[in-house]
Amino acid sequence: LEEELVRQLGRAARDHRPVSVLLLDV
């Protein structure tokens, strides 16, 4: 999940698109 977060943040920065993170706590 941490690796994917870094990858998606980098993609969002390159494409100038927003990115959202959803955190669930049971």
PDB file of all heavy atoms in Angstrom:
ATOM      1  N   LEU A   1       0.825  -1.211   0.000  1.00  0.00           N
ATOM      2  CA  LEU A   1       0.000   0.000   0.000  1.00  0.00           C
ATOM      3  C   LEU A   1       0.858   1.260   0.000  1.00  0.00           C
ATOM      4  O   LEU A   1       0.530   2.247  -0.675  1.00  0.00           O
ATOM      5  CB  LEU A   1      -0.932  -0.014   1.210  1.00  0.00           C
ATOM      6  CG  LEU A   1      -1.999  -1.118   1.205  1.00  0.00           C
ATOM      7  CD1 LEU A   1      -2.797  -1.091   2.501  1.00  0.00           C
ATOM      8  CD2 LEU A   1      -2.924  -0.963   0.003  1.00  0.00           C
ATOM      9  N   GLU A   2       1.959   1.240   0.757  1.00  0.00           N
ATOM     10  CA  GLU A   2       2.846   2.399   0.782  1.00  0.00           C
ATOM     11  C   GLU A   2       3.512   2.604  -0.578  1.00  0.00           C
ATOM     12  O   GLU A   2       3.647   3.740  -1.052  1.00  0.00           O
ATOM     13  CB  GLU A   2       3.898   2.224   1.867  1.00  0.00           C
ATOM     14  CG  GLU A   2       3.335   2.337   3.283  1.00  0.00           C
ATOM     15  CD  GLU A   2       4.383   2.075   4.346  1.00  0.00           C
ATOM     16  OE1 GLU A   2       5.477   1.578   3.988  1.00  0.00           O
ATOM     17  OE2 GLU A   2       4.121   2.369   5.533  1.00  0.00           O
ATOM     18  N   GLU A   3       3.940   1.519  -1.218  1.00  0.00           N
ATOM     19  CA  GLU A   3       4.545   1.632  -2.545  1.00  0.00           C
ATOM     20  C   GLU A   3       3.534   2.161  -3.561  1.00  0.00           C
ATOM     21  O   GLU A   3       3.868   2.995  -4.414  1.00  0.00           O
ATOM     22  CB  GLU A   3       5.085   0.274  -2.987  1.00  0.00           C
ATOM     23  CG  GLU A   3       6.288  -0.214  -2.204  1.00  0.00           C
ATOM     24  CD  GLU A   3       6.718  -1.603  -2.614  1.00  0.00           C
ATOM     25  OE1 GLU A   3       5.978  -2.237  -3.418  1.00  0.00           O
ATOM     26  OE2 GLU A   3       7.783  -2.062  -2.162  1.00  0.00           O
ATOM     27  N   GLU A   4       2.309   1.671  -3.477  1.00  0.00           N
ATOM     28  CA  GLU A   4       1.277   2.122  -4.408  1.00  0.00           C
ATOM     29  C   GLU A   4       0.929   3.587  -4.175  1.00  0.00           C
ATOM     30  O   GLU A   4       0.655   4.333  -5.124  1.00  0.00           O
ATOM     31  CB  GLU A   4       0.037   1.251  -4.259  1.00  0.00           C
ATOM     32  CG  GLU A   4      -1.050   1.530  -5.283  1.00  0.00           C
ATOM     33  CD  GLU A   4      -0.613   1.246  -6.707  1.00  0.00           C
ATOM     34  OE1 GLU A   4       0.289   0.396  -6.888  1.00  0.00           O
ATOM     35  OE2 GLU A   4      -1.170   1.884  -7.629  1.00  0.00           O
ATOM     36  N   LEU A   5       0.946   4.010  -2.906  1.00  0.00           N
ATOM     37  CA  LEU A   5       0.668   5.409  -2.599  1.00  0.00           C
ATOM     38  C   LEU A   5       1.725   6.320  -3.227  1.00  0.00           C
ATOM     39  O   LEU A   5       1.386   7.347  -3.838  1.00  0.00           O
ATOM     40  CB  LEU A   5       0.624   5.617  -1.086  1.00  0.00           C
ATOM     41  CG  LEU A   5       0.395   7.056  -0.613  1.00  0.00           C
ATOM     42  CD1 LEU A   5      -0.940   7.581  -1.110  1.00  0.00           C
ATOM     43  CD2 LEU A   5       0.472   7.133   0.912  1.00  0.00           C
ATOM     44  N   VAL A   6       2.987   5.944  -3.097  1.00  0.00           N
ATOM     45  CA  VAL A   6       4.064   6.734  -3.703  1.00  0.00           C
ATOM     46  C   VAL A   6       3.897   6.776  -5.220  1.00  0.00           C
ATOM     47  O   VAL A   6       4.062   7.830  -5.859  1.00  0.00           O
ATOM     48  CB  VAL A   6       5.432   6.148  -3.320  1.00  0.00           C
ATOM     49  CG1 VAL A   6       6.546   6.838  -4.099  1.00  0.00           C
ATOM     50  CG2 VAL A   6       5.673   6.285  -1.825  1.00  0.00           C
ATOM     51  N   ARG A   7       3.533   5.626  -5.813  1.00  0.00           N
ATOM     52  CA  ARG A   7       3.366   5.566  -7.263  1.00  0.00           C
ATOM     53  C   ARG A   7       2.218   6.456  -7.722  1.00  0.00           C
ATOM     54  O   ARG A   7       2.339   7.191  -8.724  1.00  0.00           O
ATOM     55  CB  ARG A   7       3.123   4.117  -7.685  1.00  0.00           C
ATOM     56  CG  ARG A   7       3.073   3.917  -9.202  1.00  0.00           C
ATOM     57  CD  ARG A   7       2.840   2.453  -9.571  1.00  0.00           C
ATOM     58  NE  ARG A   7       3.927   1.620  -9.072  1.00  0.00           N
ATOM     59  CZ  ARG A   7       3.802   0.748  -8.079  1.00  0.00           C
ATOM     60  NH1 ARG A   7       2.640   0.606  -7.471  1.00  0.00           N
ATOM     61  NH2 ARG A   7       4.829   0.009  -7.691  1.00  0.00           N
ATOM     62  N   GLN A   8       1.093   6.409  -7.007  1.00  0.00           N
ATOM     63  CA  GLN A   8      -0.068   7.203  -7.398  1.00  0.00           C
ATOM     64  C   GLN A   8       0.158   8.690  -7.174  1.00  0.00           C
ATOM     65  O   GLN A   8      -0.305   9.529  -7.958  1.00  0.00           O
ATOM     66  CB  GLN A   8      -1.300   6.732  -6.629  1.00  0.00           C
ATOM     67  CG  GLN A   8      -1.760   5.334  -6.983  1.00  0.00           C
ATOM     68  CD  GLN A   8      -2.110   5.183  -8.447  1.00  0.00           C
ATOM     69  OE1 GLN A   8      -2.572   6.136  -9.098  1.00  0.00           O
ATOM     70  NE2 GLN A   8      -1.881   3.998  -8.986  1.00  0.00           N
ATOM     71  N   LEU A   9       0.871   9.052  -6.104  1.00  0.00           N
ATOM     72  CA  LEU A   9       1.192  10.456  -5.877  1.00  0.00           C
ATOM     73  C   LEU A   9       2.102  10.995  -6.978  1.00  0.00           C
ATOM     74  O   LEU A   9       1.938  12.131  -7.437  1.00  0.00           O
ATOM     75  CB  LEU A   9       1.857  10.627  -4.505  1.00  0.00           C
ATOM     76  CG  LEU A   9       0.956  10.440  -3.285  1.00  0.00           C
ATOM     77  CD1 LEU A   9       1.776  10.514  -2.003  1.00  0.00           C
ATOM     78  CD2 LEU A   9      -0.165  11.480  -3.270  1.00  0.00           C
ATOM     79  N   GLY A  10       3.066  10.182  -7.392  1.00  0.00           N
ATOM     80  CA  GLY A  10       3.933  10.603  -8.490  1.00  0.00           C
ATOM     81  C   GLY A  10       3.176  10.760  -9.789  1.00  0.00           C
ATOM     82  O   GLY A  10       3.400  11.710 -10.546  1.00  0.00           O
ATOM     83  N   ARG A  11       2.246   9.834 -10.070  1.00  0.00           N
ATOM     84  CA  ARG A  11       1.436   9.939 -11.292  1.00  0.00           C
ATOM     85  C   ARG A  11       0.549  11.177 -11.246  1.00  0.00           C
ATOM     86  O   ARG A  11       0.389  11.875 -12.254  1.00  0.00           O
ATOM     87  CB  ARG A  11       0.588   8.678 -11.441  1.00  0.00           C
ATOM     88  CG  ARG A  11      -0.332   8.692 -12.661  1.00  0.00           C
ATOM     89  CD  ARG A  11      -1.138   7.411 -12.732  1.00  0.00           C
ATOM     90  NE  ARG A  11      -0.272   6.243 -12.893  1.00  0.00           N
ATOM     91  CZ  ARG A  11      -0.730   4.989 -12.924  1.00  0.00           C
ATOM     92  NH1 ARG A  11      -2.034   4.756 -12.792  1.00  0.00           N
ATOM     93  NH2 ARG A  11       0.106   3.986 -13.081  1.00  0.00           N
ATOM     94  N   ALA A  12      -0.046  11.446 -10.086  1.00  0.00           N
ATOM     95  CA  ALA A  12      -0.901  12.629  -9.962  1.00  0.00           C
ATOM     96  C   ALA A  12      -0.108  13.910 -10.166  1.00  0.00           C
ATOM     97  O   ALA A  12      -0.595  14.876 -10.771  1.00  0.00           O
ATOM     98  CB  ALA A  12      -1.582  12.632  -8.588  1.00  0.00           C
ATOM     99  N   ALA A  13       1.140  13.932  -9.656  1.00  0.00           N
ATOM    100  CA  ALA A  13       1.972  15.127  -9.829  1.00  0.00           C
ATOM    101  C   ALA A  13       2.351  15.325 -11.294  1.00  0.00           C
ATOM    102  O   ALA A  13       2.352  16.459 -11.789  1.00  0.00           O
ATOM    103  CB  ALA A  13       3.224  15.004  -8.963  1.00  0.00           C
ATOM    104  N   ARG A  14       2.655  14.233 -11.995  1.00  0.00           N
ATOM    105  CA  ARG A  14       3.031  14.345 -13.414  1.00  0.00           C
ATOM    106  C   ARG A  14       1.852  14.780 -14.277  1.00  0.00           C
ATOM    107  O   ARG A  14       1.995  15.580 -15.201  1.00  0.00           O
ATOM    108  CB  ARG A  14       3.576  13.010 -13.924  1.00  0.00           C
ATOM    109  CG  ARG A  14       4.938  12.629 -13.372  1.00  0.00           C
ATOM    110  CD  ARG A  14       5.537  11.485 -14.176  1.00  0.00           C
ATOM    111  NE  ARG A  14       4.663  10.314 -14.179  1.00  0.00           N
ATOM    112  CZ  ARG A  14       4.718   9.334 -13.277  1.00  0.00           C
ATOM    113  NH1 ARG A  14       5.595   9.393 -12.295  1.00  0.00           N
ATOM    114  NH2 ARG A  14       3.908   8.295 -13.356  1.00  0.00           N
ATOM    115  N   ASP A  15       0.658  14.227 -13.985  1.00  0.00           N
ATOM    116  CA  ASP A  15      -0.519  14.506 -14.807  1.00  0.00           C
ATOM    117  C   ASP A  15      -1.348  15.686 -14.303  1.00  0.00           C
ATOM    118  O   ASP A  15      -2.374  16.014 -14.902  1.00  0.00           O
ATOM    119  CB  ASP A  15      -1.417  13.259 -14.874  1.00  0.00           C
ATOM    120  CG  ASP A  15      -0.701  12.069 -15.499  1.00  0.00           C
ATOM    121  OD1 ASP A  15       0.271  12.305 -16.238  1.00  0.00           O
ATOM    122  OD2 ASP A  15      -1.115  10.919 -15.251  1.00  0.00           O
ATOM    123  N   HIS A  16      -0.894  16.275 -13.167  1.00  0.00           N
ATOM    124  CA  HIS A  16      -1.615  17.413 -12.578  1.00  0.00           C
ATOM    125  C   HIS A  16      -3.070  17.049 -12.286  1.00  0.00           C
ATOM    126  O   HIS A  16      -4.003  17.791 -12.606  1.00  0.00           O
ATOM    127  CB  HIS A  16      -1.547  18.634 -13.502  1.00  0.00           C
ATOM    128  CG  HIS A  16      -0.142  19.058 -13.814  1.00  0.00           C
ATOM    129  ND1 HIS A  16       0.685  19.670 -12.894  1.00  0.00           N
ATOM    130  CD2 HIS A  16       0.592  18.928 -14.963  1.00  0.00           C
ATOM    131  CE1 HIS A  16       1.858  19.919 -13.465  1.00  0.00           C
ATOM    132  NE2 HIS A  16       1.843  19.474 -14.703  1.00  0.00           N
ATOM    133  N   ARG A  17      -3.260  15.904 -11.661  1.00  0.00           N
ATOM    134  CA  ARG A  17      -4.590  15.438 -11.294  1.00  0.00           C
ATOM    135  C   ARG A  17      -4.683  15.274  -9.779  1.00  0.00           C
ATOM    136  O   ARG A  17      -3.689  14.995  -9.126  1.00  0.00           O
ATOM    137  CB  ARG A  17      -4.900  14.109 -11.973  1.00  0.00           C
ATOM    138  CG  ARG A  17      -4.993  14.195 -13.496  1.00  0.00           C
ATOM    139  CD  ARG A  17      -5.328  12.838 -14.078  1.00  0.00           C
ATOM    140  NE  ARG A  17      -5.455  12.882 -15.540  1.00  0.00           N
ATOM    141  CZ  ARG A  17      -5.733  11.827 -16.285  1.00  0.00           C
ATOM    142  NH1 ARG A  17      -5.908  10.638 -15.704  1.00  0.00           N
ATOM    143  NH2 ARG A  17      -5.843  11.943 -17.593  1.00  0.00           N
ATOM    144  N   PRO A  18      -5.887  15.442  -9.224  1.00  0.00           N
ATOM    145  CA  PRO A  18      -6.038  15.246  -7.772  1.00  0.00           C
ATOM    146  C   PRO A  18      -5.975  13.757  -7.415  1.00  0.00           C
ATOM    147  O   PRO A  18      -6.237  12.885  -8.256  1.00  0.00           O
ATOM    148  CB  PRO A  18      -7.422  15.822  -7.484  1.00  0.00           C
ATOM    149  CG  PRO A  18      -8.154  15.676  -8.781  1.00  0.00           C
ATOM    150  CD  PRO A  18      -7.130  15.886  -9.869  1.00  0.00           C
ATOM    151  N   VAL A  19      -5.645  13.478  -6.185  1.00  0.00           N
ATOM    152  CA  VAL A  19      -5.604  12.100  -5.704  1.00  0.00           C
ATOM    153  C   VAL A  19      -6.213  12.066  -4.299  1.00  0.00           C
ATOM    154  O   VAL A  19      -6.046  13.011  -3.524  1.00  0.00           O
ATOM    155  CB  VAL A  19      -4.156  11.548  -5.680  1.00  0.00           C
ATOM    156  CG1 VAL A  19      -3.277  12.367  -4.756  1.00  0.00           C
ATOM    157  CG2 VAL A  19      -4.139  10.086  -5.271  1.00  0.00           C
ATOM    158  N   SER A  20      -6.951  11.005  -4.016  1.00  0.00           N
ATOM    159  CA  SER A  20      -7.622  10.885  -2.716  1.00  0.00           C
ATOM    160  C   SER A  20      -7.191   9.590  -2.036  1.00  0.00           C
ATOM    161  O   SER A  20      -6.897   8.591  -2.692  1.00  0.00           O
ATOM    162  CB  SER A  20      -9.149  10.873  -2.899  1.00  0.00           C
ATOM    163  OG  SER A  20      -9.585  12.060  -3.529  1.00  0.00           O
ATOM    164  N   VAL A  21      -7.160   9.641  -0.715  1.00  0.00           N
ATOM    165  CA  VAL A  21      -6.822   8.472   0.093  1.00  0.00           C
ATOM    166  C   VAL A  21      -7.956   8.237   1.079  1.00  0.00           C
ATOM    167  O   VAL A  21      -8.363   9.146   1.806  1.00  0.00           O
ATOM    168  CB  VAL A  21      -5.493   8.667   0.856  1.00  0.00           C
ATOM    169  CG1 VAL A  21      -5.207   7.447   1.734  1.00  0.00           C
ATOM    170  CG2 VAL A  21      -4.353   8.905  -0.116  1.00  0.00           C
ATOM    171  N   LEU A  22      -8.491   7.025   1.088  1.00  0.00           N
ATOM    172  CA  LEU A  22      -9.589   6.657   1.973  1.00  0.00           C
ATOM    173  C   LEU A  22      -9.067   5.726   3.061  1.00  0.00           C
ATOM    174  O   LEU A  22      -8.473   4.687   2.754  1.00  0.00           O
ATOM    175  CB  LEU A  22     -10.707   5.969   1.185  1.00  0.00           C
ATOM    176  CG  LEU A  22     -11.918   5.491   2.001  1.00  0.00           C
ATOM    177  CD1 LEU A  22     -12.633   6.687   2.626  1.00  0.00           C
ATOM    178  CD2 LEU A  22     -12.868   4.692   1.112  1.00  0.00           C
ATOM    179  N   LEU A  23      -9.269   6.094   4.306  1.00  0.00           N
ATOM    180  CA  LEU A  23      -8.809   5.303   5.447  1.00  0.00           C
ATOM    181  C   LEU A  23     -10.018   4.854   6.259  1.00  0.00           C
ATOM    182  O   LEU A  23     -10.831   5.670   6.676  1.00  0.00           O
ATOM    183  CB  LEU A  23      -7.862   6.128   6.330  1.00  0.00           C
ATOM    184  CG  LEU A  23      -7.334   5.440   7.597  1.00  0.00           C
ATOM    185  CD1 LEU A  23      -6.483   4.230   7.235  1.00  0.00           C
ATOM    186  CD2 LEU A  23      -6.539   6.425   8.445  1.00  0.00           C
ATOM    187  N   LEU A  24     -10.136   3.543   6.466  1.00  0.00           N
ATOM    188  CA  LEU A  24     -11.235   2.976   7.237  1.00  0.00           C
ATOM    189  C   LEU A  24     -10.699   2.416   8.548  1.00  0.00           C
ATOM    190  O   LEU A  24      -9.674   1.737   8.575  1.00  0.00           O
ATOM    191  CB  LEU A  24     -11.929   1.857   6.452  1.00  0.00           C
ATOM    192  CG  LEU A  24     -12.593   2.249   5.129  1.00  0.00           C
ATOM    193  CD1 LEU A  24     -13.172   1.018   4.451  1.00  0.00           C
ATOM    194  CD2 LEU A  24     -13.672   3.290   5.366  1.00  0.00           C
ATOM    195  N   ASP A  25     -11.408   2.695   9.614  1.00  0.00           N
ATOM    196  CA  ASP A  25     -11.034   2.184  10.938  1.00  0.00           C
ATOM    197  C   ASP A  25     -12.211   1.395  11.492  1.00  0.00           C
ATOM    198  O   ASP A  25     -13.309   1.939  11.667  1.00  0.00           O
ATOM    199  CB  ASP A  25     -10.676   3.346  11.864  1.00  0.00           C
ATOM    200  CG  ASP A  25     -10.182   2.853  13.227  1.00  0.00           C
ATOM    201  OD1 ASP A  25      -9.727   1.690  13.286  1.00  0.00           O
ATOM    202  OD2 ASP A  25     -10.265   3.614  14.202  1.00  0.00           O
ATOM    203  N   VAL A  26     -11.991   0.112  11.732  1.00  0.00           N
ATOM    204  CA  VAL A  26     -13.056  -0.761  12.236  1.00  0.00           C
ATOM    205  C   VAL A  26     -13.024  -0.739  13.760  1.00  0.00           C
ATOM    206  O   VAL A  26     -12.004  -1.071  14.377  1.00  0.00           O
ATOM    207  CB  VAL A  26     -12.878  -2.196  11.714  1.00  0.00           C
ATOM    208  CG1 VAL A  26     -13.996  -3.092  12.246  1.00  0.00           C
ATOM    209  CG2 VAL A  26     -12.871  -2.206  10.195  1.00  0.00           C
TER     210      VAL A  26
END
